[in-house]
């Protein structure tokens, strides 16, 4: 219940801050919303409230499609920035402020492992992780695959939560929250299993 209360509070605060109402959401033009979902999370604003707004604006099927496009473009933008002229500055800033990410890109031969490790580091904002992955030099295909795998369940859950909360559909709300919990547990188990397998291999193999 505390997680649901936090979700409702976050969403209500964001919508109020943006000057939006349920009536205005119904007429919100897709292009400004798409631009905001691509650009603002790259600057550090959480993507979660945007997923909620997409669900409220377009419904569940449309909100999921819209959020998928926006998330993909945001990921590509972060990757491009991390490979551009700001790369040295970003690299120094990330190593200084988030030492937990330092050194995770040393095993570049295992790009999948590096990507999952960076994505699952606790206490680091999501956009910083996306920049760190670009700086680490992981292939774009792996970056996008893992980022969408780890972000996708949250997007689905919060798009569903937004529409379900408006309609008072408790069943869909519980399903969405369960999806988030299942995604977190599954990813952590997958990375833990991979780490145990690596640790059990004979040295030099």
N, C-alpha and C. Protein backbone atom coordinates (compact mmCIF):
# COMPACT_ATOMS: atom_id res chain seq x y z
N UNK A 1 0.82 -1.21 0.00
CA UNK A 1 0.00 0.00 0.00
C UNK A 1 0.86 1.27 0.00
N UNK A 2 1.99 1.20 0.70
CA UNK A 2 2.86 2.38 0.73
C UNK A 2 3.43 2.68 -0.65
N UNK A 3 3.74 1.61 -1.42
CA UNK A 3 4.24 1.83 -2.79
C UNK A 3 3.16 2.48 -3.65
N UNK A 4 1.93 2.01 -3.49
CA UNK A 4 0.84 2.58 -4.28
C UNK A 4 0.60 4.04 -3.88
N UNK A 5 0.68 4.33 -2.57
CA UNK A 5 0.51 5.71 -2.11
C UNK A 5 1.61 6.61 -2.68
N UNK A 6 2.85 6.10 -2.69
CA UNK A 6 3.94 6.87 -3.26
C UNK A 6 3.75 7.12 -4.74
N UNK A 7 3.25 6.11 -5.44
CA UNK A 7 2.99 6.26 -6.87
C UNK A 7 1.93 7.32 -7.13
N UNK A 8 0.83 7.27 -6.36
CA UNK A 8 -0.24 8.24 -6.54
C UNK A 8 0.25 9.65 -6.22
N UNK A 9 1.03 9.79 -5.14
CA UNK A 9 1.54 11.09 -4.76
C UNK A 9 2.47 11.66 -5.82
N UNK A 10 3.38 10.83 -6.33
CA UNK A 10 4.30 11.25 -7.38
C UNK A 10 3.56 11.72 -8.61
N UNK A 11 2.57 10.93 -9.03
CA UNK A 11 1.83 11.26 -10.24
C UNK A 11 1.02 12.54 -10.06
N UNK A 12 0.34 12.64 -8.92
CA UNK A 12 -0.47 13.82 -8.67
C UNK A 12 0.40 15.08 -8.62
N UNK A 13 1.55 14.98 -7.98
CA UNK A 13 2.45 16.12 -7.90
C UNK A 13 2.97 16.53 -9.26
N UNK A 14 3.32 15.55 -10.08
CA UNK A 14 3.85 15.86 -11.41
C UNK A 14 2.78 16.50 -12.28
N UNK A 15 1.58 15.94 -12.26
CA UNK A 15 0.51 16.48 -13.08
C UNK A 15 0.16 17.90 -12.65
N UNK A 16 0.13 18.11 -11.32
CA UNK A 16 -0.17 19.46 -10.81
C UNK A 16 0.94 20.43 -11.19
N UNK A 17 2.21 19.98 -11.08
CA UNK A 17 3.34 20.84 -11.43
C UNK A 17 3.30 21.23 -12.91
N UNK A 18 2.89 20.30 -13.74
CA UNK A 18 2.84 20.57 -15.17
C UNK A 18 1.59 21.35 -15.57
N UNK A 19 0.69 21.62 -14.59
CA UNK A 19 -0.52 22.37 -14.89
C UNK A 19 -1.52 21.58 -15.70
N UNK A 20 -1.53 20.26 -15.53
CA UNK A 20 -2.41 19.40 -16.31
C UNK A 20 -3.61 18.98 -15.47
N UNK A 21 -4.72 18.77 -16.14
CA UNK A 21 -5.90 18.20 -15.53
C UNK A 21 -6.37 17.05 -16.41
N UNK A 22 -7.30 16.26 -15.90
CA UNK A 22 -7.80 15.15 -16.71
C UNK A 22 -8.44 15.66 -17.99
N UNK A 23 -9.08 16.83 -17.92
CA UNK A 23 -9.70 17.40 -19.12
C UNK A 23 -8.63 17.83 -20.13
N UNK A 24 -7.57 18.46 -19.63
CA UNK A 24 -6.51 18.90 -20.55
C UNK A 24 -5.74 17.72 -21.12
N UNK A 25 -5.63 16.63 -20.35
CA UNK A 25 -4.94 15.45 -20.86
C UNK A 25 -5.65 14.88 -22.08
N UNK A 26 -6.96 15.00 -22.09
CA UNK A 26 -7.72 14.45 -23.21
C UNK A 26 -7.44 15.18 -24.52
N UNK A 27 -7.00 16.42 -24.43
CA UNK A 27 -6.71 17.20 -25.64
C UNK A 27 -5.21 17.45 -25.81
N UNK A 28 -4.39 16.83 -24.97
CA UNK A 28 -2.94 17.03 -25.06
C UNK A 28 -2.42 16.50 -26.38
N UNK A 29 -1.71 17.36 -27.12
CA UNK A 29 -1.21 16.96 -28.44
C UNK A 29 -0.07 15.95 -28.27
N UNK A 30 -0.06 14.91 -29.09
CA UNK A 30 0.97 13.87 -28.93
C UNK A 30 2.40 14.36 -29.13
N UNK A 31 2.63 15.30 -30.05
CA UNK A 31 4.00 15.70 -30.37
C UNK A 31 4.72 16.37 -29.20
N UNK A 32 4.10 17.35 -28.50
CA UNK A 32 4.79 17.91 -27.33
C UNK A 32 5.06 16.86 -26.25
N UNK A 33 4.11 15.95 -26.06
CA UNK A 33 4.32 14.89 -25.07
C UNK A 33 5.46 13.97 -25.49
N UNK A 34 5.51 13.63 -26.77
CA UNK A 34 6.59 12.78 -27.27
C UNK A 34 7.94 13.47 -27.09
N UNK A 35 8.00 14.76 -27.44
CA UNK A 35 9.25 15.50 -27.28
C UNK A 35 9.68 15.55 -25.82
N UNK A 36 8.71 15.76 -24.92
CA UNK A 36 9.04 15.81 -23.50
C UNK A 36 9.55 14.46 -23.00
N UNK A 37 8.95 13.37 -23.46
CA UNK A 37 9.37 12.03 -23.03
C UNK A 37 10.74 11.65 -23.57
N UNK A 38 11.12 12.23 -24.69
CA UNK A 38 12.44 11.95 -25.26
C UNK A 38 13.51 12.80 -24.58
N UNK A 39 13.24 14.08 -24.41
CA UNK A 39 14.27 15.03 -23.98
C UNK A 39 14.40 15.13 -22.46
N UNK A 40 13.32 15.28 -21.74
CA UNK A 40 13.40 15.58 -20.31
C UNK A 40 14.02 14.45 -19.50
N UNK A 41 13.70 13.17 -19.74
CA UNK A 41 14.38 12.11 -18.99
C UNK A 41 15.88 12.06 -19.26
N UNK A 42 16.32 12.53 -20.44
CA UNK A 42 17.75 12.60 -20.72
C UNK A 42 18.44 13.65 -19.87
N UNK A 43 17.65 14.58 -19.30
CA UNK A 43 18.18 15.62 -18.43
C UNK A 43 17.99 15.28 -16.95
N UNK A 44 17.37 14.13 -16.67
CA UNK A 44 17.25 13.69 -15.29
C UNK A 44 15.85 13.60 -14.74
N UNK A 45 14.84 14.06 -15.50
CA UNK A 45 13.47 13.95 -15.01
C UNK A 45 13.02 12.50 -15.13
N UNK A 46 12.39 11.93 -14.10
CA UNK A 46 11.96 10.52 -14.18
C UNK A 46 10.98 10.29 -15.32
N UNK A 47 11.08 9.14 -15.94
CA UNK A 47 10.17 8.79 -17.02
C UNK A 47 8.83 8.29 -16.50
N UNK A 48 8.80 7.79 -15.27
CA UNK A 48 7.60 7.15 -14.74
C UNK A 48 6.33 8.00 -14.87
N UNK A 49 6.33 9.28 -14.45
CA UNK A 49 5.10 10.06 -14.59
C UNK A 49 4.63 10.19 -16.04
N UNK A 50 5.57 10.20 -16.98
CA UNK A 50 5.18 10.28 -18.38
C UNK A 50 4.45 9.02 -18.83
N UNK A 51 4.87 7.86 -18.31
CA UNK A 51 4.16 6.63 -18.63
C UNK A 51 2.72 6.71 -18.14
N UNK A 52 2.54 7.26 -16.94
CA UNK A 52 1.20 7.43 -16.38
C UNK A 52 0.36 8.35 -17.27
N UNK A 53 0.95 9.47 -17.67
CA UNK A 53 0.24 10.42 -18.51
C UNK A 53 -0.12 9.79 -19.86
N UNK A 54 0.80 8.99 -20.42
CA UNK A 54 0.51 8.31 -21.69
C UNK A 54 -0.66 7.37 -21.54
N UNK A 55 -0.72 6.66 -20.41
CA UNK A 55 -1.85 5.77 -20.18
C UNK A 55 -3.16 6.52 -20.05
N UNK A 56 -3.11 7.66 -19.34
CA UNK A 56 -4.31 8.48 -19.19
C UNK A 56 -4.74 9.10 -20.51
N UNK A 57 -3.78 9.51 -21.32
CA UNK A 57 -4.09 10.21 -22.58
C UNK A 57 -4.57 9.27 -23.67
N UNK A 58 -3.90 8.12 -23.82
CA UNK A 58 -4.17 7.27 -24.98
C UNK A 58 -4.83 5.94 -24.62
N UNK A 59 -5.04 5.67 -23.33
CA UNK A 59 -5.54 4.36 -22.95
C UNK A 59 -4.39 3.36 -22.90
N UNK A 60 -4.69 2.14 -22.54
CA UNK A 60 -3.61 1.16 -22.34
C UNK A 60 -2.93 0.75 -23.65
N UNK A 61 -3.66 0.28 -24.69
CA UNK A 61 -2.95 -0.11 -25.92
C UNK A 61 -2.19 1.06 -26.56
N UNK A 62 -2.87 2.20 -26.72
CA UNK A 62 -2.21 3.35 -27.32
C UNK A 62 -1.09 3.89 -26.46
N UNK A 63 -1.30 3.89 -25.13
CA UNK A 63 -0.27 4.37 -24.23
C UNK A 63 0.98 3.51 -24.26
N UNK A 64 0.79 2.20 -24.38
CA UNK A 64 1.94 1.30 -24.46
C UNK A 64 2.73 1.52 -25.74
N UNK A 65 2.03 1.66 -26.87
CA UNK A 65 2.71 1.90 -28.15
C UNK A 65 3.44 3.23 -28.12
N UNK A 66 2.77 4.26 -27.63
CA UNK A 66 3.37 5.59 -27.56
C UNK A 66 4.60 5.58 -26.65
N UNK A 67 4.49 4.93 -25.49
CA UNK A 67 5.60 4.87 -24.54
C UNK A 67 6.78 4.08 -25.10
N UNK A 68 6.50 3.03 -25.87
CA UNK A 68 7.58 2.24 -26.46
C UNK A 68 8.39 3.09 -27.43
N UNK A 69 7.70 3.87 -28.27
CA UNK A 69 8.40 4.73 -29.22
C UNK A 69 9.22 5.79 -28.49
N UNK A 70 8.61 6.42 -27.48
CA UNK A 70 9.30 7.47 -26.74
C UNK A 70 10.51 6.92 -26.00
N UNK A 71 10.36 5.75 -25.39
CA UNK A 71 11.47 5.14 -24.65
C UNK A 71 12.62 4.80 -25.58
N UNK A 72 12.30 4.21 -26.73
CA UNK A 72 13.35 3.86 -27.70
C UNK A 72 14.10 5.09 -28.16
N UNK A 73 13.39 6.16 -28.48
CA UNK A 73 14.06 7.39 -28.94
C UNK A 73 14.88 8.03 -27.82
N UNK A 74 14.38 7.96 -26.59
CA UNK A 74 15.14 8.49 -25.46
C UNK A 74 16.43 7.70 -25.25
N UNK A 75 16.36 6.39 -25.37
CA UNK A 75 17.56 5.56 -25.23
C UNK A 75 18.57 5.87 -26.31
N UNK A 76 18.10 6.04 -27.54
CA UNK A 76 19.02 6.37 -28.63
C UNK A 76 19.65 7.74 -28.42
N UNK A 77 18.88 8.69 -27.89
CA UNK A 77 19.43 10.01 -27.62
C UNK A 77 20.53 9.94 -26.56
N UNK A 78 20.28 9.22 -25.47
CA UNK A 78 21.29 9.09 -24.41
C UNK A 78 22.55 8.41 -24.94
N UNK A 79 22.37 7.41 -25.76
CA UNK A 79 23.52 6.70 -26.33
C UNK A 79 24.33 7.63 -27.22
N UNK A 80 23.63 8.43 -28.04
CA UNK A 80 24.32 9.36 -28.93
C UNK A 80 25.07 10.42 -28.14
N UNK A 81 24.47 10.94 -27.07
CA UNK A 81 25.13 11.94 -26.24
C UNK A 81 26.38 11.35 -25.60
N UNK A 82 26.28 10.11 -25.13
CA UNK A 82 27.41 9.45 -24.47
C UNK A 82 28.55 9.18 -25.43
N UNK A 83 28.26 9.16 -26.73
CA UNK A 83 29.30 8.93 -27.74
C UNK A 83 29.75 10.23 -28.40
N UNK A 84 29.19 11.35 -27.97
CA UNK A 84 29.51 12.62 -28.60
C UNK A 84 30.60 13.39 -27.87
N UNK A 85 30.59 14.69 -28.07
CA UNK A 85 31.64 15.53 -27.51
C UNK A 85 31.59 15.61 -25.99
N UNK A 86 30.45 15.34 -25.42
CA UNK A 86 30.32 15.40 -23.96
C UNK A 86 30.83 14.14 -23.26
N UNK A 87 31.29 13.16 -24.03
CA UNK A 87 31.68 11.89 -23.43
C UNK A 87 32.75 12.04 -22.33
N UNK A 88 33.86 12.77 -22.56
CA UNK A 88 34.87 12.89 -21.49
C UNK A 88 34.31 13.56 -20.24
N UNK A 89 33.51 14.60 -20.42
CA UNK A 89 32.94 15.30 -19.27
C UNK A 89 31.98 14.41 -18.51
N UNK A 90 31.13 13.70 -19.24
CA UNK A 90 30.19 12.79 -18.60
C UNK A 90 30.91 11.68 -17.86
N UNK A 91 31.97 11.15 -18.48
CA UNK A 91 32.71 10.06 -17.87
C UNK A 91 33.32 10.49 -16.53
N UNK A 92 33.93 11.66 -16.50
CA UNK A 92 34.53 12.15 -15.25
C UNK A 92 33.46 12.41 -14.19
N UNK A 93 32.35 12.99 -14.61
CA UNK A 93 31.28 13.30 -13.65
C UNK A 93 30.68 12.03 -13.06
N UNK A 94 30.48 11.01 -13.90
CA UNK A 94 29.89 9.76 -13.41
C UNK A 94 30.85 9.04 -12.47
N UNK A 95 32.12 9.00 -12.82
CA UNK A 95 33.10 8.32 -11.97
C UNK A 95 33.24 9.03 -10.62
N UNK A 96 33.09 10.36 -10.63
CA UNK A 96 33.23 11.12 -9.39
C UNK A 96 32.01 10.98 -8.49
N UNK A 97 30.82 11.06 -9.07
CA UNK A 97 29.59 11.08 -8.27
C UNK A 97 29.03 9.69 -7.99
N UNK A 98 29.33 8.73 -8.88
CA UNK A 98 28.77 7.39 -8.73
C UNK A 98 29.89 6.35 -8.86
N UNK A 99 30.70 6.23 -7.82
CA UNK A 99 31.83 5.29 -7.88
C UNK A 99 31.40 3.84 -8.06
N UNK A 100 30.14 3.53 -7.75
CA UNK A 100 29.66 2.16 -7.93
C UNK A 100 29.71 1.73 -9.39
N UNK A 101 29.69 2.71 -10.29
CA UNK A 101 29.76 2.40 -11.72
C UNK A 101 31.20 2.28 -12.21
N UNK A 102 32.14 2.81 -11.45
CA UNK A 102 33.54 2.80 -11.89
C UNK A 102 34.07 1.38 -11.96
N UNK A 103 34.71 1.07 -13.05
CA UNK A 103 35.33 -0.24 -13.19
C UNK A 103 34.43 -1.31 -13.75
N UNK A 104 33.11 -1.05 -13.86
CA UNK A 104 32.22 -2.07 -14.38
C UNK A 104 32.41 -2.30 -15.87
N UNK A 105 33.08 -1.36 -16.55
CA UNK A 105 33.28 -1.52 -17.98
C UNK A 105 34.63 -2.15 -18.32
N UNK A 106 35.30 -2.70 -17.31
CA UNK A 106 36.62 -3.28 -17.57
C UNK A 106 36.53 -4.60 -18.33
N UNK A 107 35.46 -5.36 -18.07
CA UNK A 107 35.30 -6.66 -18.74
C UNK A 107 34.48 -6.47 -20.01
N UNK A 108 35.01 -5.70 -20.95
CA UNK A 108 34.23 -5.38 -22.14
C UNK A 108 34.01 -6.59 -23.03
N UNK A 109 34.76 -7.67 -22.80
CA UNK A 109 34.54 -8.87 -23.58
C UNK A 109 33.19 -9.48 -23.30
N UNK A 110 32.58 -9.17 -22.17
CA UNK A 110 31.27 -9.68 -21.82
C UNK A 110 30.31 -8.50 -21.73
N UNK A 111 29.92 -7.98 -22.87
CA UNK A 111 29.11 -6.77 -22.91
C UNK A 111 27.74 -7.00 -22.27
N UNK A 112 27.20 -8.19 -22.42
CA UNK A 112 25.90 -8.47 -21.80
C UNK A 112 26.00 -8.34 -20.28
N UNK A 113 27.05 -8.91 -19.71
CA UNK A 113 27.23 -8.86 -18.25
C UNK A 113 27.41 -7.42 -17.78
N UNK A 114 28.24 -6.67 -18.49
CA UNK A 114 28.49 -5.27 -18.12
C UNK A 114 27.19 -4.48 -18.16
N UNK A 115 26.40 -4.70 -19.19
CA UNK A 115 25.16 -3.95 -19.34
C UNK A 115 24.18 -4.26 -18.21
N UNK A 116 24.03 -5.54 -17.90
CA UNK A 116 23.12 -5.90 -16.81
C UNK A 116 23.63 -5.37 -15.47
N UNK A 117 24.93 -5.45 -15.24
CA UNK A 117 25.48 -4.95 -13.98
C UNK A 117 25.22 -3.46 -13.80
N UNK A 118 25.47 -2.69 -14.85
CA UNK A 118 25.25 -1.26 -14.76
C UNK A 118 23.77 -0.93 -14.56
N UNK A 119 22.91 -1.64 -15.29
CA UNK A 119 21.48 -1.37 -15.18
C UNK A 119 20.93 -1.69 -13.79
N UNK A 120 21.56 -2.62 -13.08
CA UNK A 120 21.03 -3.06 -11.80
C UNK A 120 21.75 -2.45 -10.60
N UNK A 121 22.70 -1.55 -10.84
CA UNK A 121 23.36 -0.87 -9.71
C UNK A 121 22.33 -0.04 -8.96
N UNK A 122 22.18 -0.24 -7.66
CA UNK A 122 21.16 0.52 -6.91
C UNK A 122 21.61 1.95 -6.62
N UNK A 123 20.62 2.82 -6.46
CA UNK A 123 20.88 4.19 -6.03
C UNK A 123 21.41 5.12 -7.09
N UNK A 124 21.38 4.70 -8.35
CA UNK A 124 21.88 5.54 -9.45
C UNK A 124 20.70 5.86 -10.37
N UNK A 125 20.48 7.14 -10.69
CA UNK A 125 19.38 7.51 -11.59
C UNK A 125 19.48 6.78 -12.92
N UNK A 126 18.32 6.48 -13.50
CA UNK A 126 18.29 5.69 -14.72
C UNK A 126 19.03 6.36 -15.87
N UNK A 127 18.89 7.68 -16.01
CA UNK A 127 19.53 8.35 -17.14
C UNK A 127 21.05 8.30 -17.02
N UNK A 128 21.56 8.31 -15.78
CA UNK A 128 23.00 8.17 -15.57
C UNK A 128 23.47 6.80 -16.02
N UNK A 129 22.68 5.77 -15.73
CA UNK A 129 23.04 4.42 -16.17
C UNK A 129 23.09 4.34 -17.69
N UNK A 130 22.16 4.99 -18.36
CA UNK A 130 22.16 4.96 -19.83
C UNK A 130 23.39 5.65 -20.39
N UNK A 131 23.78 6.78 -19.79
CA UNK A 131 25.01 7.44 -20.23
C UNK A 131 26.22 6.56 -19.94
N UNK A 132 26.22 5.91 -18.77
CA UNK A 132 27.35 5.06 -18.40
C UNK A 132 27.51 3.90 -19.38
N UNK A 133 26.40 3.36 -19.86
CA UNK A 133 26.47 2.26 -20.82
C UNK A 133 27.06 2.73 -22.14
N UNK A 134 26.66 3.92 -22.57
CA UNK A 134 27.24 4.45 -23.79
C UNK A 134 28.72 4.72 -23.64
N UNK A 135 29.11 5.27 -22.49
CA UNK A 135 30.53 5.55 -22.23
C UNK A 135 31.33 4.26 -22.15
N UNK A 136 30.71 3.20 -21.59
CA UNK A 136 31.42 1.92 -21.45
C UNK A 136 31.69 1.26 -22.79
N UNK A 137 31.03 1.74 -23.84
CA UNK A 137 31.30 1.21 -25.17
C UNK A 137 30.59 -0.09 -25.50
N UNK A 138 29.52 -0.41 -24.77
CA UNK A 138 28.80 -1.64 -25.11
C UNK A 138 28.11 -1.44 -26.46
N UNK A 139 27.97 -2.48 -27.25
CA UNK A 139 27.32 -2.34 -28.56
C UNK A 139 25.90 -1.80 -28.41
N UNK A 140 25.48 -1.00 -29.38
CA UNK A 140 24.17 -0.38 -29.29
C UNK A 140 23.04 -1.41 -29.25
N UNK A 141 23.22 -2.51 -29.98
CA UNK A 141 22.17 -3.53 -29.99
C UNK A 141 21.98 -4.14 -28.60
N UNK A 142 23.09 -4.41 -27.90
CA UNK A 142 23.00 -4.96 -26.55
C UNK A 142 22.44 -3.92 -25.59
N UNK A 143 22.91 -2.70 -25.72
CA UNK A 143 22.41 -1.59 -24.89
C UNK A 143 20.90 -1.46 -25.01
N UNK A 144 20.40 -1.44 -26.23
CA UNK A 144 18.96 -1.28 -26.43
C UNK A 144 18.19 -2.49 -25.93
N UNK A 145 18.71 -3.68 -26.19
CA UNK A 145 18.01 -4.89 -25.78
C UNK A 145 17.85 -4.95 -24.27
N UNK A 146 18.95 -4.76 -23.55
CA UNK A 146 18.90 -4.85 -22.09
C UNK A 146 18.10 -3.69 -21.50
N UNK A 147 18.29 -2.48 -22.04
CA UNK A 147 17.55 -1.33 -21.52
C UNK A 147 16.05 -1.51 -21.70
N UNK A 148 15.64 -2.02 -22.85
CA UNK A 148 14.21 -2.23 -23.08
C UNK A 148 13.68 -3.39 -22.23
N UNK A 149 14.50 -4.41 -22.04
CA UNK A 149 14.09 -5.53 -21.19
C UNK A 149 13.86 -5.09 -19.75
N UNK A 150 14.72 -4.22 -19.25
CA UNK A 150 14.63 -3.79 -17.86
C UNK A 150 13.65 -2.64 -17.67
N UNK A 151 13.49 -1.82 -18.70
CA UNK A 151 12.58 -0.68 -18.60
C UNK A 151 11.16 -1.05 -19.01
N UNK A 152 11.04 -1.98 -19.94
CA UNK A 152 9.73 -2.34 -20.48
C UNK A 152 8.69 -2.71 -19.45
N UNK A 153 9.02 -3.61 -18.50
CA UNK A 153 7.99 -3.97 -17.51
C UNK A 153 7.50 -2.79 -16.69
N UNK A 154 8.40 -1.86 -16.36
CA UNK A 154 7.99 -0.67 -15.62
C UNK A 154 7.06 0.19 -16.48
N UNK A 155 7.40 0.34 -17.76
CA UNK A 155 6.56 1.14 -18.65
C UNK A 155 5.16 0.54 -18.73
N UNK A 156 5.10 -0.77 -18.94
CA UNK A 156 3.80 -1.44 -19.03
C UNK A 156 3.02 -1.24 -17.73
N UNK A 157 3.69 -1.45 -16.60
CA UNK A 157 3.02 -1.37 -15.31
C UNK A 157 2.45 0.02 -15.06
N UNK A 158 3.23 1.07 -15.34
CA UNK A 158 2.77 2.41 -15.01
C UNK A 158 1.78 2.97 -16.02
N UNK A 159 1.86 2.53 -17.27
CA UNK A 159 0.81 2.89 -18.22
C UNK A 159 -0.51 2.27 -17.76
N UNK A 160 -0.47 1.01 -17.37
CA UNK A 160 -1.67 0.32 -16.88
C UNK A 160 -2.15 0.96 -15.58
N UNK A 161 -1.20 1.28 -14.68
CA UNK A 161 -1.58 1.89 -13.40
C UNK A 161 -2.29 3.22 -13.60
N UNK A 162 -1.80 4.04 -14.51
CA UNK A 162 -2.41 5.33 -14.74
C UNK A 162 -3.86 5.20 -15.17
N UNK A 163 -4.12 4.37 -16.16
CA UNK A 163 -5.48 4.20 -16.66
C UNK A 163 -6.34 3.48 -15.64
N UNK A 164 -5.79 2.49 -14.97
CA UNK A 164 -6.57 1.71 -14.00
C UNK A 164 -6.93 2.53 -12.78
N UNK A 165 -5.99 3.39 -12.33
CA UNK A 165 -6.29 4.24 -11.19
C UNK A 165 -7.42 5.20 -11.51
N UNK A 166 -7.44 5.71 -12.74
CA UNK A 166 -8.50 6.62 -13.16
C UNK A 166 -9.84 5.91 -13.17
N UNK A 167 -9.84 4.65 -13.60
CA UNK A 167 -11.08 3.89 -13.69
C UNK A 167 -11.43 3.15 -12.40
N UNK A 168 -10.51 3.17 -11.43
CA UNK A 168 -10.76 2.45 -10.18
C UNK A 168 -10.70 0.95 -10.33
N UNK A 169 -9.94 0.46 -11.30
CA UNK A 169 -9.83 -0.98 -11.56
C UNK A 169 -8.73 -1.56 -10.67
N UNK A 170 -9.12 -2.05 -9.49
CA UNK A 170 -8.15 -2.55 -8.52
C UNK A 170 -7.43 -3.78 -9.05
N UNK A 171 -8.13 -4.61 -9.80
CA UNK A 171 -7.51 -5.82 -10.34
C UNK A 171 -6.33 -5.51 -11.24
N UNK A 172 -6.52 -4.56 -12.16
CA UNK A 172 -5.42 -4.18 -13.06
C UNK A 172 -4.30 -3.50 -12.30
N UNK A 173 -4.63 -2.73 -11.26
CA UNK A 173 -3.59 -2.10 -10.45
C UNK A 173 -2.71 -3.15 -9.79
N UNK A 174 -3.33 -4.17 -9.22
CA UNK A 174 -2.57 -5.23 -8.55
C UNK A 174 -1.73 -6.01 -9.55
N UNK A 175 -2.27 -6.26 -10.73
CA UNK A 175 -1.51 -6.97 -11.76
C UNK A 175 -0.29 -6.15 -12.18
N UNK A 176 -0.47 -4.85 -12.35
CA UNK A 176 0.64 -3.98 -12.75
C UNK A 176 1.74 -3.96 -11.69
N UNK A 177 1.35 -3.86 -10.42
CA UNK A 177 2.34 -3.85 -9.35
C UNK A 177 3.06 -5.19 -9.25
N UNK A 178 2.33 -6.26 -9.48
CA UNK A 178 2.96 -7.59 -9.47
C UNK A 178 3.95 -7.73 -10.62
N UNK A 179 3.64 -7.12 -11.75
CA UNK A 179 4.55 -7.17 -12.90
C UNK A 179 5.87 -6.48 -12.58
N UNK A 180 5.81 -5.35 -11.91
CA UNK A 180 7.03 -4.64 -11.53
C UNK A 180 7.86 -5.50 -10.59
N UNK A 181 7.22 -6.08 -9.57
CA UNK A 181 7.94 -6.91 -8.60
C UNK A 181 8.55 -8.13 -9.28
N UNK A 182 7.80 -8.75 -10.19
CA UNK A 182 8.31 -9.93 -10.89
C UNK A 182 9.51 -9.57 -11.76
N UNK A 183 9.45 -8.42 -12.43
CA UNK A 183 10.57 -8.01 -13.28
C UNK A 183 11.82 -7.79 -12.47
N UNK A 184 11.70 -7.13 -11.32
CA UNK A 184 12.86 -6.87 -10.46
C UNK A 184 13.47 -8.18 -9.97
N UNK A 185 12.64 -9.08 -9.48
CA UNK A 185 13.13 -10.35 -8.95
C UNK A 185 13.77 -11.19 -10.04
N UNK A 186 13.14 -11.24 -11.22
CA UNK A 186 13.67 -12.05 -12.32
C UNK A 186 15.03 -11.55 -12.78
N UNK A 187 15.17 -10.24 -12.94
CA UNK A 187 16.44 -9.68 -13.40
C UNK A 187 17.56 -9.94 -12.39
N UNK A 188 17.25 -9.76 -11.10
CA UNK A 188 18.26 -9.98 -10.09
C UNK A 188 18.66 -11.45 -10.02
N UNK A 189 17.71 -12.34 -10.18
CA UNK A 189 18.02 -13.78 -10.18
C UNK A 189 18.87 -14.14 -11.39
N UNK A 190 18.55 -13.53 -12.56
CA UNK A 190 19.31 -13.84 -13.77
C UNK A 190 20.76 -13.40 -13.64
N UNK A 191 20.96 -12.19 -13.14
CA UNK A 191 22.33 -11.69 -12.96
C UNK A 191 23.06 -12.49 -11.90
N UNK A 192 22.38 -12.84 -10.80
CA UNK A 192 23.00 -13.63 -9.75
C UNK A 192 23.41 -15.00 -10.25
N UNK A 193 22.56 -15.62 -11.06
CA UNK A 193 22.89 -16.93 -11.63
C UNK A 193 24.10 -16.84 -12.55
N UNK A 194 24.14 -15.79 -13.36
CA UNK A 194 25.28 -15.62 -14.27
C UNK A 194 26.56 -15.40 -13.49
N UNK A 195 26.49 -14.63 -12.40
CA UNK A 195 27.67 -14.37 -11.59
C UNK A 195 28.15 -15.65 -10.91
N UNK A 196 27.23 -16.48 -10.43
CA UNK A 196 27.61 -17.74 -9.79
C UNK A 196 28.27 -18.68 -10.78
N UNK A 197 27.77 -18.69 -12.01
CA UNK A 197 28.38 -19.54 -13.03
C UNK A 197 29.80 -19.09 -13.35
N UNK A 198 29.99 -17.77 -13.44
CA UNK A 198 31.33 -17.25 -13.71
C UNK A 198 32.27 -17.58 -12.57
N UNK A 199 31.78 -17.47 -11.33
CA UNK A 199 32.64 -17.74 -10.18
C UNK A 199 33.01 -19.21 -10.08
N UNK A 200 32.15 -20.10 -10.58
CA UNK A 200 32.41 -21.53 -10.47
C UNK A 200 33.34 -22.07 -11.57
N UNK A 201 33.61 -21.23 -12.59
CA UNK A 201 34.49 -21.68 -13.67
C UNK A 201 35.92 -21.76 -13.19
N UNK A 202 36.67 -22.75 -13.64
CA UNK A 202 38.10 -22.82 -13.27
C UNK A 202 38.84 -21.61 -13.79
N UNK A 203 39.84 -21.19 -13.07
CA UNK A 203 40.64 -20.04 -13.47
C UNK A 203 41.29 -20.29 -14.82
N UNK A 204 41.21 -19.27 -15.69
CA UNK A 204 41.83 -19.34 -16.99
C UNK A 204 40.97 -19.98 -18.05
N UNK A 205 39.74 -20.43 -17.66
CA UNK A 205 38.88 -21.06 -18.64
C UNK A 205 38.06 -20.04 -19.37
